[in-house]
Every structure is written in structure tokens, then in C-alpha cells.
C-alpha atoms as a PDB file:
ATOM      1  CA  MET A   1     132.510  11.838 108.424  1.00  0.00           C
ATOM      2  CA  SER A   2     132.097  13.118 111.933  1.00  0.00           C
ATOM      3  CA  ASP A   3     130.751  10.989 114.770  1.00  0.00           C
ATOM      4  CA  LYS A   4     129.991  14.069 116.815  1.00  0.00           C
ATOM      5  CA  ILE A   5     126.489  14.560 118.151  1.00  0.00           C
ATOM      6  CA  PRO A   6     124.742  17.498 116.418  1.00  0.00           C
ATOM      7  CA  GLY A   7     124.422  20.451 118.779  1.00  0.00           C
ATOM      8  CA  ALA A   8     127.166  19.167 121.087  1.00  0.00           C
ATOM      9  CA  SER A   9     129.766  21.511 122.526  1.00  0.00           C
ATOM     10  CA  PRO A  10     132.924  22.188 120.529  1.00  0.00           C
ATOM     11  CA  THR A  11     135.986  20.129 121.360  1.00  0.00           C
ATOM     12  CA  PRO A  12     137.707  21.446 124.499  1.00  0.00           C
ATOM     13  CA  LEU A  13     140.849  23.504 123.991  1.00  0.00           C
ATOM     14  CA  PRO A  14     144.218  21.783 124.160  1.00  0.00           C
ATOM     15  CA  PRO A  15     146.059  22.832 127.364  1.00  0.00           C
ATOM     16  CA  ASP A  16     148.744  24.782 125.482  1.00  0.00           C
ATOM     17  CA  VAL A  17     146.100  26.795 123.592  1.00  0.00           C
ATOM     18  CA  ALA A  18     144.174  27.486 126.811  1.00  0.00           C
ATOM     19  CA  GLU A  19     147.420  28.698 128.441  1.00  0.00           C
ATOM     20  CA  ARG A  20     148.175  30.995 125.492  1.00  0.00           C
ATOM     21  CA  LEU A  21     144.612  32.333 125.415  1.00  0.00           C
ATOM     22  CA  LEU A  22     144.658  33.129 129.134  1.00  0.00           C
ATOM     23  CA  ASP A  23     148.150  34.669 128.870  1.00  0.00           C
ATOM     24  CA  LEU A  24     146.941  37.010 126.144  1.00  0.00           C
ATOM     25  CA  LEU A  25     143.616  37.838 127.814  1.00  0.00           C
ATOM     26  CA  SER A  26     145.388  38.716 131.052  1.00  0.00           C
ATOM     27  CA  THR A  27     148.162  40.855 129.534  1.00  0.00           C
ATOM     28  CA  ASP A  28     147.595  42.051 125.960  1.00  0.00           C
ATOM     29  CA  ASP A  29     145.194  44.955 125.341  1.00  0.00           C
ATOM     30  CA  GLU A  30     145.238  44.537 121.552  1.00  0.00           C
ATOM     31  CA  PHE A  31     144.385  40.827 121.827  1.00  0.00           C
ATOM     32  CA  ARG A  32     141.615  41.620 124.325  1.00  0.00           C
ATOM     33  CA  GLN A  33     140.101  44.057 121.812  1.00  0.00           C
ATOM     34  CA  LEU A  34     140.227  41.358 119.115  1.00  0.00           C
ATOM     35  CA  PHE A  35     138.645  38.817 121.474  1.00  0.00           C
ATOM     36  CA  ALA A  36     135.825  41.228 122.349  1.00  0.00           C
ATOM     37  CA  LYS A  37     135.192  42.000 118.656  1.00  0.00           C
ATOM     38  CA  ASP A  38     135.845  38.583 117.062  1.00  0.00           C
ATOM     39  CA  PRO A  39     136.413  35.820 119.633  1.00  0.00           C
ATOM     40  CA  VAL A  40     136.797  33.084 117.023  1.00  0.00           C
ATOM     41  CA  SER A  41     139.620  34.942 115.255  1.00  0.00           C
ATOM     42  CA  ALA A  42     141.240  35.499 118.652  1.00  0.00           C
ATOM     43  CA  LEU A  43     141.059  31.762 119.416  1.00  0.00           C
ATOM     44  CA  LEU A  44     142.671  31.016 116.059  1.00  0.00           C
ATOM     45  CA  GLU A  45     145.400  33.564 116.791  1.00  0.00           C
ATOM     46  CA  ALA A  46     146.006  31.862 120.152  1.00  0.00           C
ATOM     47  CA  GLY A  47     146.690  28.620 118.273  1.00  0.00           C
ATOM     48  CA  TYR A  48     143.343  26.814 118.295  1.00  0.00           C
ATOM     49  CA  LYS A  49     142.924  24.518 115.290  1.00  0.00           C
ATOM     50  CA  PRO A  50     139.254  23.518 115.285  1.00  0.00           C
ATOM     51  CA  SER A  51     137.613  21.007 113.004  1.00  0.00           C
ATOM     52  CA  ASP A  52     135.388  22.488 110.310  1.00  0.00           C
ATOM     53  CA  GLU A  53     132.363  21.460 112.387  1.00  0.00           C
ATOM     54  CA  ASP A  54     133.728  23.107 115.562  1.00  0.00           C
ATOM     55  CA  LEU A  55     134.624  26.259 113.639  1.00  0.00           C
ATOM     56  CA  LYS A  56     131.115  26.516 112.224  1.00  0.00           C
ATOM     57  CA  GLN A  57     129.590  26.013 115.682  1.00  0.00           C
ATOM     58  CA  LEU A  58     131.921  28.562 117.268  1.00  0.00           C
ATOM     59  CA  ARG A  59     131.177  31.165 114.594  1.00  0.00           C
ATOM     60  CA  SER A  60     127.435  30.805 115.162  1.00  0.00           C
ATOM     61  CA  ASN A  61     127.462  30.613 118.975  1.00  0.00           C
ATOM     62  CA  MET A  62     130.470  32.395 120.439  1.00  0.00           C
ATOM     63  CA  LYS A  63     129.647  35.887 121.663  1.00  0.00           C
ATOM     64  CA  VAL A  64     131.367  38.264 124.073  1.00  0.00           C
ATOM     65  CA  GLY A  65     129.235  40.719 125.999  1.00  0.00           C
ATOM     66  CA  SER A  66     131.638  42.149 128.537  1.00  0.00           C
ATOM     67  CA  LEU A  67     135.172  40.912 129.089  1.00  0.00           C
ATOM     68  CA  ALA A  68     136.540  40.550 132.625  1.00  0.00           C
ATOM     69  CA  SER A  69     139.547  42.653 133.556  1.00  0.00           C
ATOM     70  CA  LYS A  70     143.081  41.373 133.082  1.00  0.00           C
ATOM     71  CA  ASP A  71     143.397  40.988 136.869  1.00  0.00           C
ATOM     72  CA  GLU A  72     140.150  38.997 137.141  1.00  0.00           C
ATOM     73  CA  ILE A  73     141.264  36.644 134.377  1.00  0.00           C
ATOM     74  CA  ALA A  74     144.684  36.225 135.969  1.00  0.00           C
ATOM     75  CA  SER A  75     143.230  35.512 139.402  1.00  0.00           C
ATOM     76  CA  GLY A  76     140.753  32.955 138.013  1.00  0.00           C
ATOM     77  CA  ARG A  77     143.273  31.384 135.668  1.00  0.00           C
ATOM     78  CA  ASP A  78     143.308  27.860 137.123  1.00  0.00           C
ATOM     79  CA  GLU A  79     139.522  27.562 137.131  1.00  0.00           C
ATOM     80  CA  LEU A  80     139.255  29.055 133.645  1.00  0.00           C
ATOM     81  CA  LYS A  81     141.914  26.716 132.264  1.00  0.00           C
ATOM     82  CA  SER A  82     140.155  23.749 133.808  1.00  0.00           C
ATOM     83  CA  SER A  83     136.858  24.772 132.191  1.00  0.00           C
ATOM     84  CA  LEU A  84     138.417  25.477 128.794  1.00  0.00           C
ATOM     85  CA  THR A  85     140.187  22.106 128.655  1.00  0.00           C
ATOM     86  CA  SER A  86     137.496  19.950 130.272  1.00  0.00           C
ATOM     87  CA  LEU A  87     135.905  17.030 128.464  1.00  0.00           C
ATOM     88  CA  LEU A  88     132.688  18.151 130.121  1.00  0.00           C
ATOM     89  CA  CYS A  89     132.928  21.575 128.514  1.00  0.00           C
ATOM     90  CA  MET A  90     129.141  21.908 128.389  1.00  0.00           C
ATOM     91  CA  HIS A  91     128.533  25.174 130.228  1.00  0.00           C
ATOM     92  CA  PRO A  92     129.439  28.648 129.017  1.00  0.00           C
ATOM     93  CA  ILE A  93     132.672  30.140 130.260  1.00  0.00           C
ATOM     94  CA  GLN A  94     131.975  33.239 132.332  1.00  0.00           C
ATOM     95  CA  LEU A  95     134.639  35.848 131.616  1.00  0.00           C
ATOM     96  CA  ASN A  96     132.264  38.726 132.166  1.00  0.00           C
ATOM     97  CA  ALA A  97     133.188  41.452 134.604  1.00  0.00           C
ATOM     98  CA  GLY A  98     131.555  41.346 137.992  1.00  0.00           C
ATOM     99  CA  SER A  99     130.656  37.662 137.832  1.00  0.00           C
ATOM    100  CA  SER A 100     130.779  36.035 141.244  1.00  0.00           C
ATOM    101  CA  GLY A 101     130.954  32.542 139.820  1.00  0.00           C
ATOM    102  CA  GLN A 102     128.459  31.402 142.473  1.00  0.00           C
ATOM    103  CA  LYS A 103     125.195  29.694 141.725  1.00  0.00           C
ATOM    104  CA  SER A 104     122.029  30.634 143.527  1.00  0.00           C
ATOM    105  CA  GLU A 105     120.012  27.819 145.024  1.00  0.00           C
END
């Protein structure tokens, strides 16, 4: 039985999986195509081993509109890794091209 709160965010990625994911997104065109088409399968290929509950939530919620360039992902790597591995992983990760990452007030 799970003690997870219904509707909560999936478990953050382990650091090694986040590293692998960012490596592939910043270098591998074939992996990037897979991630754009089927992000959950791409996460699994990068080594993510989600619980059944997390997998179900990811399959229903994870969408990719526009993927940032390899250079943008590489230059934002530290911030992206921090977000992907954070226990407070409650906001969507912005990998979309042209995102400034700044909030308006």
C-alpha cells in the first residue's frame, strides 16, 4: 500500500538518472526524438525505475510541447538537475525553447 498523497508529484529522479537524462537530451538526437514523442519511455531508457503509481501519473501527465536545444539544456544543466532531483519537485520543468526562466511580478 502506498502512503503517497493522491495527486502529488511523482518521486524526484535519482541524481544518476537525472545526469543520464540531461546527458542524452544535450547530445543525442535520437534520444531527443524519443523524448519529444514519448517522454515516459525516454525516462525509462535513461534508467528511471518509477513505482507503479508514479508510472501511471507520468503517463497521464507528462507532455512535451517544444524541446529546448541541446545547447540550452547543457547551459542550464545545474538548474535542471536540481529541479529534477528536488524533494520539492512540485512545479513543471521548463525545457521549452525560448523560455527565459524568469517569473513576472
